[in-house]
Amino acid sequence: MEILLTQLFNGLSYSSFLLLIALGLSITFGLMRVMNMAHGDMIMIGAYVTYSVQLIFVSMVPESLFDYYFILSIPIAFIVTALIGLLVEKSLIRFLYARPLDSLLATWGLSLIFQQIARMIFGAPNVAVTAPSWLNGSVEIASVVLPYKRLFILVLVCLCVLGLYYYLIKTTAGRRMNAVTLNRPMAASLGINTRKVDATAFALGSGLGGVAGCALTLLGPVGPTVGTNYIIDAFMIVILGGVGKIKGTVLGALCIGLLSTFTEYGTSATIAKVVVFAFIIIFLQWKPSGLISTRTRVLD
């Protein structure tokens, strides 16, 4: 029973981190149908922003206030990556709508550029971020050890999901984004500025990627290619859950995280990847639209 609970927590923890990465990609891919291969680099930028905030606190802020740097780095990482995402959308992505192959190639090249810039600024070796003291340690519940870092990531993911849900459902800008996702021509005919919605969505998705990078620093050192290690998993989650469906993204992350964790416990990481890919292929053969699909009536 103890092993089962431990693996269940590990699966939920892994799922929450995958969900945080996939949320931003779900918005951009679901709304604009842009295959953004540079989304992993937004994660990398968010991680380096956290590292930079740490360096600033070490050199300019009293030692007694050092533990507050991580809380401050979360909104800073979101704002910085959102602004970079907005710049990318205005200068590149807006010219590649309805051209998925061109957007795939362009964002892949952009990803390589971001990685080289990171190497020039921070160097090629990985850098470590020191976690605040209040995230060190763990709590034991029912003989299961729960690290504070992973619990914090779980709470952060829940707050991001709730905040995104509130934005999409309760705000005017979010409802416009939903309208464009469901029916872009109809939304445009009703006076919604779809170009503005696209730019906002891309910035929001990039900002969420920055928050994911901030959380990633709690799990290990970061380097210029750290985000590319998760981009394939993020695409799998978005496609499995249903393109543009936040609920589907949540369910997809849970399925992949739990399946991967439990399979890896009895076999190996390589076998677990094979099982996850096989499961997704078989499932999409049965339900191509993913876990959550939109029901519409079409008049031919």
C-alpha atoms as a PDB file:
ATOM      1  CA  MET A   1       0.000   0.000   0.000  1.00  0.00           C
ATOM      2  CA  GLU A   2       2.853   2.338   0.844  1.00  0.00           C
ATOM      3  CA  ILE A   3       4.480   1.707  -2.543  1.00  0.00           C
ATOM      4  CA  LEU A   4       1.183   2.314  -4.321  1.00  0.00           C
ATOM      5  CA  LEU A   5       0.644   5.643  -2.547  1.00  0.00           C
ATOM      6  CA  THR A   6       4.232   6.696  -3.234  1.00  0.00           C
ATOM      7  CA  GLN A   7       3.913   5.953  -6.951  1.00  0.00           C
ATOM      8  CA  LEU A   8       0.549   7.691  -7.029  1.00  0.00           C
ATOM      9  CA  PHE A   9       2.078  10.853  -5.570  1.00  0.00           C
ATOM     10  CA  ASN A  10       5.040  10.620  -7.956  1.00  0.00           C
ATOM     11  CA  GLY A  11       2.611  10.246 -10.857  1.00  0.00           C
ATOM     12  CA  LEU A  12       0.541  13.239  -9.753  1.00  0.00           C
ATOM     13  CA  SER A  13       3.695  15.293  -9.270  1.00  0.00           C
ATOM     14  CA  TYR A  14       5.008  14.409 -12.713  1.00  0.00           C
ATOM     15  CA  SER A  15       1.574  15.017 -14.238  1.00  0.00           C
ATOM     16  CA  SER A  16       1.336  18.450 -12.640  1.00  0.00           C
ATOM     17  CA  PHE A  17       4.672  19.506 -14.093  1.00  0.00           C
ATOM     18  CA  LEU A  18       3.737  18.208 -17.557  1.00  0.00           C
ATOM     19  CA  LEU A  19       0.428  20.053 -17.272  1.00  0.00           C
ATOM     20  CA  LEU A  20       2.181  23.317 -16.441  1.00  0.00           C
ATOM     21  CA  ILE A  21       4.296  22.932 -19.577  1.00  0.00           C
ATOM     22  CA  ALA A  22       1.368  21.906 -21.798  1.00  0.00           C
ATOM     23  CA  LEU A  23      -1.040  24.651 -20.699  1.00  0.00           C
ATOM     24  CA  GLY A  24       0.702  27.367 -22.690  1.00  0.00           C
ATOM     25  CA  LEU A  25       1.105  25.120 -25.724  1.00  0.00           C
ATOM     26  CA  SER A  26      -2.577  24.193 -25.540  1.00  0.00           C
ATOM     27  CA  ILE A  27      -3.529  27.860 -25.881  1.00  0.00           C
ATOM     28  CA  THR A  28      -1.276  28.671 -28.851  1.00  0.00           C
ATOM     29  CA  PHE A  29      -1.742  25.388 -30.693  1.00  0.00           C
ATOM     30  CA  GLY A  30      -5.453  25.211 -29.941  1.00  0.00           C
ATOM     31  CA  LEU A  31      -6.271  28.787 -30.919  1.00  0.00           C
ATOM     32  CA  MET A  32      -3.907  29.552 -33.769  1.00  0.00           C
ATOM     33  CA  ARG A  33      -2.967  26.053 -34.968  1.00  0.00           C
ATOM     34  CA  VAL A  34       0.661  27.142 -34.820  1.00  0.00           C
ATOM     35  CA  MET A  35       3.139  24.356 -34.077  1.00  0.00           C
ATOM     36  CA  ASN A  36       5.388  26.382 -31.810  1.00  0.00           C
ATOM     37  CA  MET A  37       8.623  24.429 -31.447  1.00  0.00           C
ATOM     38  CA  ALA A  38      10.085  27.407 -29.563  1.00  0.00           C
ATOM     39  CA  HIS A  39       7.707  26.865 -26.631  1.00  0.00           C
ATOM     40  CA  GLY A  40      10.389  24.797 -24.916  1.00  0.00           C
ATOM     41  CA  ASP A  41      12.694  27.778 -25.073  1.00  0.00           C
ATOM     42  CA  MET A  42      10.137  29.891 -23.219  1.00  0.00           C
ATOM     43  CA  ILE A  43      10.560  27.322 -20.451  1.00  0.00           C
ATOM     44  CA  MET A  44      14.323  27.791 -20.700  1.00  0.00           C
ATOM     45  CA  ILE A  45      13.987  31.578 -20.572  1.00  0.00           C
ATOM     46  CA  GLY A  46      11.753  31.355 -17.491  1.00  0.00           C
ATOM     47  CA  ALA A  47      14.353  29.165 -15.796  1.00  0.00           C
ATOM     48  CA  TYR A  48      17.172  31.599 -16.592  1.00  0.00           C
ATOM     49  CA  VAL A  49      15.060  34.518 -15.383  1.00  0.00           C
ATOM     50  CA  THR A  50      14.722  32.721 -12.047  1.00  0.00           C
ATOM     51  CA  TYR A  51      18.481  32.176 -11.983  1.00  0.00           C
ATOM     52  CA  SER A  52      19.073  35.872 -12.745  1.00  0.00           C
ATOM     53  CA  VAL A  53      16.699  36.986  -9.980  1.00  0.00           C
ATOM     54  CA  GLN A  54      18.622  34.736  -7.606  1.00  0.00           C
ATOM     55  CA  LEU A  55      21.923  36.370  -8.599  1.00  0.00           C
ATOM     56  CA  ILE A  56      20.434  39.823  -8.055  1.00  0.00           C
ATOM     57  CA  PHE A  57      19.230  38.869  -4.578  1.00  0.00           C
ATOM     58  CA  VAL A  58      22.626  37.393  -3.700  1.00  0.00           C
ATOM     59  CA  SER A  59      24.515  40.539  -4.731  1.00  0.00           C
ATOM     60  CA  MET A  60      22.096  43.354  -3.876  1.00  0.00           C
ATOM     61  CA  VAL A  61      19.574  42.179  -1.262  1.00  0.00           C
ATOM     62  CA  PRO A  62      20.222  41.374   2.421  1.00  0.00           C
ATOM     63  CA  GLU A  63      20.720  37.691   3.128  1.00  0.00           C
ATOM     64  CA  SER A  64      17.689  37.617   5.411  1.00  0.00           C
ATOM     65  CA  LEU A  65      15.444  38.344   2.404  1.00  0.00           C
ATOM     66  CA  PHE A  66      16.975  35.725   0.106  1.00  0.00           C
ATOM     67  CA  ASP A  67      14.142  33.229   0.600  1.00  0.00           C
ATOM     68  CA  TYR A  68      11.689  35.633  -1.024  1.00  0.00           C
ATOM     69  CA  TYR A  69      13.473  35.649  -4.371  1.00  0.00           C
ATOM     70  CA  PHE A  70      11.607  32.592  -5.715  1.00  0.00           C
ATOM     71  CA  ILE A  71       8.149  34.036  -5.066  1.00  0.00           C
ATOM     72  CA  LEU A  72       9.199  37.228  -6.848  1.00  0.00           C
ATOM     73  CA  SER A  73      10.729  35.317  -9.762  1.00  0.00           C
ATOM     74  CA  ILE A  74       7.402  33.664 -10.703  1.00  0.00           C
ATOM     75  CA  PRO A  75       5.588  36.852 -11.887  1.00  0.00           C
ATOM     76  CA  ILE A  76       8.832  38.220 -13.351  1.00  0.00           C
ATOM     77  CA  ALA A  77       9.338  35.033 -15.400  1.00  0.00           C
ATOM     78  CA  PHE A  78       5.727  35.243 -16.595  1.00  0.00           C
ATOM     79  CA  ILE A  79       6.022  38.893 -17.637  1.00  0.00           C
ATOM     80  CA  VAL A  80       9.402  38.508 -19.381  1.00  0.00           C
ATOM     81  CA  THR A  81       8.415  35.434 -21.391  1.00  0.00           C
ATOM     82  CA  ALA A  82       5.001  36.925 -22.209  1.00  0.00           C
ATOM     83  CA  LEU A  83       6.668  40.033 -23.631  1.00  0.00           C
ATOM     84  CA  ILE A  84       9.095  37.904 -25.635  1.00  0.00           C
ATOM     85  CA  GLY A  85       6.181  35.819 -26.896  1.00  0.00           C
ATOM     86  CA  LEU A  86       4.315  38.977 -27.903  1.00  0.00           C
ATOM     87  CA  LEU A  87       7.373  40.198 -29.800  1.00  0.00           C
ATOM     88  CA  VAL A  88       7.719  36.837 -31.564  1.00  0.00           C
ATOM     89  CA  GLU A  89       4.054  36.869 -32.557  1.00  0.00           C
ATOM     90  CA  LYS A  90       4.225  40.419 -33.912  1.00  0.00           C
ATOM     91  CA  SER A  91       7.450  39.880 -35.850  1.00  0.00           C
ATOM     92  CA  LEU A  92       7.143  36.272 -37.057  1.00  0.00           C
ATOM     93  CA  ILE A  93       4.111  34.173 -36.139  1.00  0.00           C
ATOM     94  CA  ARG A  94       1.464  36.566 -37.490  1.00  0.00           C
ATOM     95  CA  PHE A  95       2.792  35.972 -41.019  1.00  0.00           C
ATOM     96  CA  LEU A  96       2.584  32.169 -40.718  1.00  0.00           C
ATOM     97  CA  TYR A  97      -1.073  31.556 -39.828  1.00  0.00           C
ATOM     98  CA  ALA A  98      -2.646  28.746 -41.868  1.00  0.00           C
ATOM     99  CA  ARG A  99       0.870  27.591 -42.794  1.00  0.00           C
ATOM    100  CA  PRO A 100       1.620  24.882 -40.201  1.00  0.00           C
ATOM    101  CA  LEU A 101       4.680  23.451 -41.921  1.00  0.00           C
ATOM    102  CA  ASP A 102       6.235  26.892 -42.343  1.00  0.00           C
ATOM    103  CA  SER A 103       5.492  27.739 -38.703  1.00  0.00           C
ATOM    104  CA  LEU A 104       7.068  24.444 -37.614  1.00  0.00           C
ATOM    105  CA  LEU A 105      10.281  25.209 -39.511  1.00  0.00           C
ATOM    106  CA  ALA A 106      10.389  28.878 -38.475  1.00  0.00           C
ATOM    107  CA  THR A 107       9.838  28.236 -34.758  1.00  0.00           C
ATOM    108  CA  TRP A 108      12.381  25.400 -34.817  1.00  0.00           C
ATOM    109  CA  GLY A 109      14.952  27.824 -36.225  1.00  0.00           C
ATOM    110  CA  LEU A 110      13.887  30.398 -33.637  1.00  0.00           C
ATOM    111  CA  SER A 111      14.441  27.779 -30.943  1.00  0.00           C
ATOM    112  CA  LEU A 112      18.044  27.290 -32.098  1.00  0.00           C
ATOM    113  CA  ILE A 113      18.577  31.065 -32.028  1.00  0.00           C
ATOM    114  CA  PHE A 114      17.272  31.309 -28.453  1.00  0.00           C
ATOM    115  CA  GLN A 115      19.548  28.477 -27.372  1.00  0.00           C
ATOM    116  CA  GLN A 116      22.619  30.137 -28.879  1.00  0.00           C
ATOM    117  CA  ILE A 117      21.747  33.451 -27.217  1.00  0.00           C
ATOM    118  CA  ALA A 118      21.441  31.633 -23.880  1.00  0.00           C
ATOM    119  CA  ARG A 119      24.876  30.066 -24.405  1.00  0.00           C
ATOM    120  CA  MET A 120      26.397  33.463 -25.170  1.00  0.00           C
ATOM    121  CA  ILE A 121      24.910  35.042 -22.037  1.00  0.00           C
ATOM    122  CA  PHE A 122      25.046  32.243 -19.452  1.00  0.00           C
ATOM    123  CA  GLY A 123      27.502  29.771 -20.999  1.00  0.00           C
ATOM    124  CA  ALA A 124      27.020  26.211 -22.183  1.00  0.00           C
ATOM    125  CA  PRO A 125      27.265  24.410 -18.799  1.00  0.00           C
ATOM    126  CA  ASN A 126      24.129  23.981 -16.752  1.00  0.00           C
ATOM    127  CA  VAL A 127      23.528  26.341 -13.837  1.00  0.00           C
ATOM    128  CA  ALA A 128      21.909  25.487 -10.525  1.00  0.00           C
ATOM    129  CA  VAL A 129      19.260  27.482  -8.719  1.00  0.00           C
ATOM    130  CA  THR A 130      19.270  27.328  -4.929  1.00  0.00           C
ATOM    131  CA  ALA A 131      15.816  26.604  -3.603  1.00  0.00           C
ATOM    132  CA  PRO A 132      14.598  28.809  -0.729  1.00  0.00           C
ATOM    133  CA  SER A 133      14.932  27.254   2.702  1.00  0.00           C
ATOM    134  CA  TRP A 134      11.177  26.938   3.172  1.00  0.00           C
ATOM    135  CA  LEU A 135      11.040  24.508   0.242  1.00  0.00           C
ATOM    136  CA  ASN A 136      13.706  22.202   1.677  1.00  0.00           C
ATOM    137  CA  GLY A 137      12.521  19.164   3.559  1.00  0.00           C
ATOM    138  CA  SER A 138       9.407  17.030   3.381  1.00  0.00           C
ATOM    139  CA  VAL A 139       6.328  15.922   5.239  1.00  0.00           C
ATOM    140  CA  GLU A 140       5.319  12.310   5.902  1.00  0.00           C
ATOM    141  CA  ILE A 141       1.670  11.314   5.472  1.00  0.00           C
ATOM    142  CA  ALA A 142       0.560   7.673   5.787  1.00  0.00           C
ATOM    143  CA  SER A 143       4.192   6.523   5.539  1.00  0.00           C
ATOM    144  CA  VAL A 144       4.597   8.448   2.267  1.00  0.00           C
ATOM    145  CA  VAL A 145       7.293  11.120   2.105  1.00  0.00           C
ATOM    146  CA  LEU A 146       6.070  14.232   0.291  1.00  0.00           C
ATOM    147  CA  PRO A 147       8.828  16.731  -0.620  1.00  0.00           C
ATOM    148  CA  TYR A 148       7.907  20.376  -0.142  1.00  0.00           C
ATOM    149  CA  LYS A 149       9.225  21.227  -3.626  1.00  0.00           C
ATOM    150  CA  ARG A 150       6.848  18.868  -5.390  1.00  0.00           C
ATOM    151  CA  LEU A 151       3.958  19.940  -3.170  1.00  0.00           C
ATOM    152  CA  PHE A 152       4.705  23.553  -4.096  1.00  0.00           C
ATOM    153  CA  ILE A 153       4.638  22.676  -7.814  1.00  0.00           C
ATOM    154  CA  LEU A 154       1.267  20.959  -7.308  1.00  0.00           C
ATOM    155  CA  VAL A 155      -0.137  24.080  -5.646  1.00  0.00           C
ATOM    156  CA  LEU A 156       1.373  26.329  -8.342  1.00  0.00           C
ATOM    157  CA  VAL A 157      -0.197  24.241 -11.107  1.00  0.00           C
ATOM    158  CA  CYS A 158      -3.605  24.341  -9.401  1.00  0.00           C
ATOM    159  CA  LEU A 159      -3.388  28.128  -9.124  1.00  0.00           C
ATOM    160  CA  CYS A 160      -2.401  28.437 -12.795  1.00  0.00           C
ATOM    161  CA  VAL A 161      -5.278  26.211 -13.931  1.00  0.00           C
ATOM    162  CA  LEU A 162      -7.791  28.100 -11.782  1.00  0.00           C
ATOM    163  CA  GLY A 163      -6.430  31.453 -12.965  1.00  0.00           C
ATOM    164  CA  LEU A 164      -6.587  30.368 -16.601  1.00  0.00           C
ATOM    165  CA  TYR A 165     -10.117  29.032 -16.127  1.00  0.00           C
ATOM    166  CA  TYR A 166     -11.223  32.319 -14.568  1.00  0.00           C
ATOM    167  CA  TYR A 167      -9.611  34.290 -17.403  1.00  0.00           C
ATOM    168  CA  LEU A 168     -11.236  32.202 -20.153  1.00  0.00           C
ATOM    169  CA  ILE A 169     -14.699  31.983 -18.586  1.00  0.00           C
ATOM    170  CA  LYS A 170     -15.182  35.126 -16.507  1.00  0.00           C
ATOM    171  CA  THR A 171     -13.374  37.875 -18.411  1.00  0.00           C
ATOM    172  CA  THR A 172     -14.311  39.568 -21.671  1.00  0.00           C
ATOM    173  CA  ALA A 173     -10.898  38.942 -23.217  1.00  0.00           C
ATOM    174  CA  GLY A 174     -11.083  35.279 -22.288  1.00  0.00           C
ATOM    175  CA  ARG A 175     -14.552  34.844 -23.767  1.00  0.00           C
ATOM    176  CA  ARG A 176     -13.340  36.459 -26.975  1.00  0.00           C
ATOM    177  CA  MET A 177     -10.475  33.979 -27.026  1.00  0.00           C
ATOM    178  CA  ASN A 178     -12.949  31.118 -26.619  1.00  0.00           C
ATOM    179  CA  ALA A 179     -15.084  32.514 -29.438  1.00  0.00           C
ATOM    180  CA  VAL A 180     -12.113  32.717 -31.803  1.00  0.00           C
ATOM    181  CA  THR A 181     -11.103  29.165 -30.884  1.00  0.00           C
ATOM    182  CA  LEU A 182     -14.573  27.787 -31.640  1.00  0.00           C
ATOM    183  CA  ASN A 183     -15.309  29.741 -34.827  1.00  0.00           C
ATOM    184  CA  ARG A 184     -12.809  32.291 -36.075  1.00  0.00           C
ATOM    185  CA  PRO A 185     -14.807  33.585 -39.108  1.00  0.00           C
ATOM    186  CA  MET A 186     -17.961  34.065 -37.056  1.00  0.00           C
ATOM    187  CA  ALA A 187     -16.018  35.806 -34.264  1.00  0.00           C
ATOM    188  CA  ALA A 188     -14.439  38.155 -36.802  1.00  0.00           C
ATOM    189  CA  SER A 189     -17.827  38.921 -38.360  1.00  0.00           C
ATOM    190  CA  LEU A 190     -19.110  39.939 -34.906  1.00  0.00           C
ATOM    191  CA  GLY A 191     -16.384  42.567 -34.588  1.00  0.00           C
ATOM    192  CA  ILE A 192     -13.776  40.690 -32.561  1.00  0.00           C
ATOM    193  CA  ASN A 193     -10.230  41.692 -33.477  1.00  0.00           C
ATOM    194  CA  THR A 194      -8.824  38.214 -34.094  1.00  0.00           C
ATOM    195  CA  ARG A 195      -5.282  39.501 -34.648  1.00  0.00           C
ATOM    196  CA  LYS A 196      -5.316  41.085 -31.198  1.00  0.00           C
ATOM    197  CA  VAL A 197      -6.723  37.895 -29.679  1.00  0.00           C
ATOM    198  CA  ASP A 198      -3.989  35.858 -31.367  1.00  0.00           C
ATOM    199  CA  ALA A 199      -1.271  38.124 -30.004  1.00  0.00           C
ATOM    200  CA  THR A 200      -2.740  37.986 -26.487  1.00  0.00           C
ATOM    201  CA  ALA A 201      -3.057  34.198 -26.636  1.00  0.00           C
ATOM    202  CA  PHE A 202       0.523  33.734 -27.791  1.00  0.00           C
ATOM    203  CA  ALA A 203       1.803  36.032 -25.047  1.00  0.00           C
ATOM    204  CA  LEU A 204      -0.294  34.211 -22.432  1.00  0.00           C
ATOM    205  CA  GLY A 205       0.930  30.809 -23.590  1.00  0.00           C
ATOM    206  CA  SER A 206       4.541  31.992 -23.553  1.00  0.00           C
ATOM    207  CA  GLY A 207       4.076  33.442 -20.071  1.00  0.00           C
ATOM    208  CA  LEU A 208       2.789  30.112 -18.766  1.00  0.00           C
ATOM    209  CA  GLY A 209       5.856  28.486 -20.298  1.00  0.00           C
ATOM    210  CA  GLY A 210       8.001  30.898 -18.293  1.00  0.00           C
ATOM    211  CA  VAL A 211       6.211  29.874 -15.088  1.00  0.00           C
ATOM    212  CA  ALA A 212       6.920  26.238 -15.974  1.00  0.00           C
ATOM    213  CA  GLY A 213      10.596  27.103 -16.355  1.00  0.00           C
ATOM    214  CA  CYS A 214      10.556  28.740 -12.947  1.00  0.00           C
ATOM    215  CA  ALA A 215       9.125  25.535 -11.445  1.00  0.00           C
ATOM    216  CA  LEU A 216      11.677  23.455 -13.350  1.00  0.00           C
ATOM    217  CA  THR A 217      14.533  25.048 -11.416  1.00  0.00           C
ATOM    218  CA  LEU A 218      13.268  23.265  -8.295  1.00  0.00           C
ATOM    219  CA  LEU A 219      13.859  19.863  -9.888  1.00  0.00           C
ATOM    220  CA  GLY A 220      17.439  20.261 -11.078  1.00  0.00           C
ATOM    221  CA  PRO A 221      19.997  22.389 -12.933  1.00  0.00           C
ATOM    222  CA  VAL A 222      18.993  24.218 -16.111  1.00  0.00           C
ATOM    223  CA  GLY A 223      20.791  24.740 -19.390  1.00  0.00           C
ATOM    224  CA  PRO A 224      20.189  26.116 -22.891  1.00  0.00           C
ATOM    225  CA  THR A 225      18.439  22.937 -24.091  1.00  0.00           C
ATOM    226  CA  VAL A 226      16.435  22.157 -20.959  1.00  0.00           C
ATOM    227  CA  GLY A 227      13.098  23.076 -22.540  1.00  0.00           C
ATOM    228  CA  THR A 228      13.499  20.830 -25.591  1.00  0.00           C
ATOM    229  CA  ASN A 229      13.446  17.764 -23.318  1.00  0.00           C
ATOM    230  CA  TYR A 230       9.753  18.370 -22.603  1.00  0.00           C
ATOM    231  CA  ILE A 231       8.329  19.784 -25.828  1.00  0.00           C
ATOM    232  CA  ILE A 232       7.421  16.367 -27.283  1.00  0.00           C
ATOM    233  CA  ASP A 233       5.603  15.377 -24.091  1.00  0.00           C
ATOM    234  CA  ALA A 234       3.724  18.681 -24.169  1.00  0.00           C
ATOM    235  CA  PHE A 235       2.539  18.108 -27.742  1.00  0.00           C
ATOM    236  CA  MET A 236       1.458  14.566 -26.835  1.00  0.00           C
ATOM    237  CA  ILE A 237      -0.631  15.886 -23.944  1.00  0.00           C
ATOM    238  CA  VAL A 238      -2.308  18.568 -26.067  1.00  0.00           C
ATOM    239  CA  ILE A 239      -3.173  16.129 -28.856  1.00  0.00           C
ATOM    240  CA  LEU A 240      -4.310  13.393 -26.476  1.00  0.00           C
ATOM    241  CA  GLY A 241      -6.527  15.758 -24.514  1.00  0.00           C
ATOM    242  CA  GLY A 242      -8.035  17.449 -27.559  1.00  0.00           C
ATOM    243  CA  VAL A 243      -6.577  20.455 -29.317  1.00  0.00           C
ATOM    244  CA  GLY A 244      -7.534  23.690 -27.578  1.00  0.00           C
ATOM    245  CA  LYS A 245      -9.344  21.988 -24.672  1.00  0.00           C
ATOM    246  CA  ILE A 246      -8.041  22.923 -21.222  1.00  0.00           C
ATOM    247  CA  LYS A 247     -10.025  20.120 -19.566  1.00  0.00           C
ATOM    248  CA  GLY A 248      -8.582  17.681 -22.070  1.00  0.00           C
ATOM    249  CA  THR A 249      -5.084  18.972 -21.391  1.00  0.00           C
ATOM    250  CA  VAL A 250      -5.560  18.331 -17.662  1.00  0.00           C
ATOM    251  CA  LEU A 251      -6.849  14.802 -18.289  1.00  0.00           C
ATOM    252  CA  GLY A 252      -4.115  14.107 -20.836  1.00  0.00           C
ATOM    253  CA  ALA A 253      -1.396  15.176 -18.414  1.00  0.00           C
ATOM    254  CA  LEU A 254      -2.863  12.933 -15.698  1.00  0.00           C
ATOM    255  CA  CYS A 255      -3.052   9.945 -18.047  1.00  0.00           C
ATOM    256  CA  ILE A 256       0.485  10.309 -19.381  1.00  0.00           C
ATOM    257  CA  GLY A 257       2.031  11.148 -15.995  1.00  0.00           C
ATOM    258  CA  LEU A 258       0.410   8.267 -14.110  1.00  0.00           C
ATOM    259  CA  LEU A 259       0.937   5.739 -16.908  1.00  0.00           C
ATOM    260  CA  SER A 260       4.583   6.715 -17.288  1.00  0.00           C
ATOM    261  CA  THR A 261       5.283   6.619 -13.548  1.00  0.00           C
ATOM    262  CA  PHE A 262       3.659   3.250 -12.857  1.00  0.00           C
ATOM    263  CA  THR A 263       5.181   1.658 -15.979  1.00  0.00           C
ATOM    264  CA  GLU A 264       8.636   2.995 -15.186  1.00  0.00           C
ATOM    265  CA  TYR A 265       8.442   1.562 -11.650  1.00  0.00           C
ATOM    266  CA  GLY A 266       8.098  -2.001 -12.945  1.00  0.00           C
ATOM    267  CA  THR A 267      10.351  -1.661 -16.014  1.00  0.00           C
ATOM    268  CA  SER A 268      12.573   1.239 -17.059  1.00  0.00           C
ATOM    269  CA  ALA A 269      12.304   4.797 -18.355  1.00  0.00           C
ATOM    270  CA  THR A 270      12.816   3.615 -21.947  1.00  0.00           C
ATOM    271  CA  ILE A 271      10.084   0.990 -21.759  1.00  0.00           C
ATOM    272  CA  ALA A 272       7.775   3.523 -20.114  1.00  0.00           C
ATOM    273  CA  LYS A 273       8.230   5.907 -23.067  1.00  0.00           C
ATOM    274  CA  VAL A 274       7.441   3.099 -25.501  1.00  0.00           C
ATOM    275  CA  VAL A 275       4.281   2.176 -23.591  1.00  0.00           C
ATOM    276  CA  VAL A 276       3.112   5.809 -23.447  1.00  0.00           C
ATOM    277  CA  PHE A 277       3.649   6.323 -27.186  1.00  0.00           C
ATOM    278  CA  ALA A 278       1.880   3.050 -27.996  1.00  0.00           C
ATOM    279  CA  PHE A 279      -1.049   4.003 -25.764  1.00  0.00           C
ATOM    280  CA  ILE A 280      -1.426   7.397 -27.463  1.00  0.00           C
ATOM    281  CA  ILE A 281      -1.271   5.869 -30.955  1.00  0.00           C
ATOM    282  CA  ILE A 282      -3.896   3.243 -30.121  1.00  0.00           C
ATOM    283  CA  PHE A 283      -6.148   5.740 -28.361  1.00  0.00           C
ATOM    284  CA  LEU A 284      -6.042   8.245 -31.216  1.00  0.00           C
ATOM    285  CA  GLN A 285      -6.959   5.475 -33.653  1.00  0.00           C
ATOM    286  CA  TRP A 286     -10.111   4.967 -31.609  1.00  0.00           C
ATOM    287  CA  LYS A 287     -10.822   8.624 -30.846  1.00  0.00           C
ATOM    288  CA  PRO A 288      -8.909  10.956 -33.230  1.00  0.00           C
ATOM    289  CA  SER A 289     -10.304  14.138 -31.682  1.00  0.00           C
ATOM    290  CA  GLY A 290      -8.797  13.339 -28.264  1.00  0.00           C
ATOM    291  CA  LEU A 291     -10.310  12.920 -24.837  1.00  0.00           C
ATOM    292  CA  ILE A 292     -12.427  16.082 -25.089  1.00  0.00           C
ATOM    293  CA  SER A 293     -13.971  17.049 -28.418  1.00  0.00           C
ATOM    294  CA  THR A 294     -16.235  19.884 -29.486  1.00  0.00           C
ATOM    295  CA  ARG A 295     -19.708  18.929 -30.636  1.00  0.00           C
ATOM    296  CA  THR A 296     -20.938  21.154 -33.431  1.00  0.00           C
ATOM    297  CA  ARG A 297     -23.708  21.108 -36.005  1.00  0.00           C
ATOM    298  CA  VAL A 298     -22.550  21.772 -39.529  1.00  0.00           C
ATOM    299  CA  LEU A 299     -24.922  22.862 -42.289  1.00  0.00           C
ATOM    300  CA  ASP A 300     -23.572  21.820 -45.669  1.00  0.00           C
END
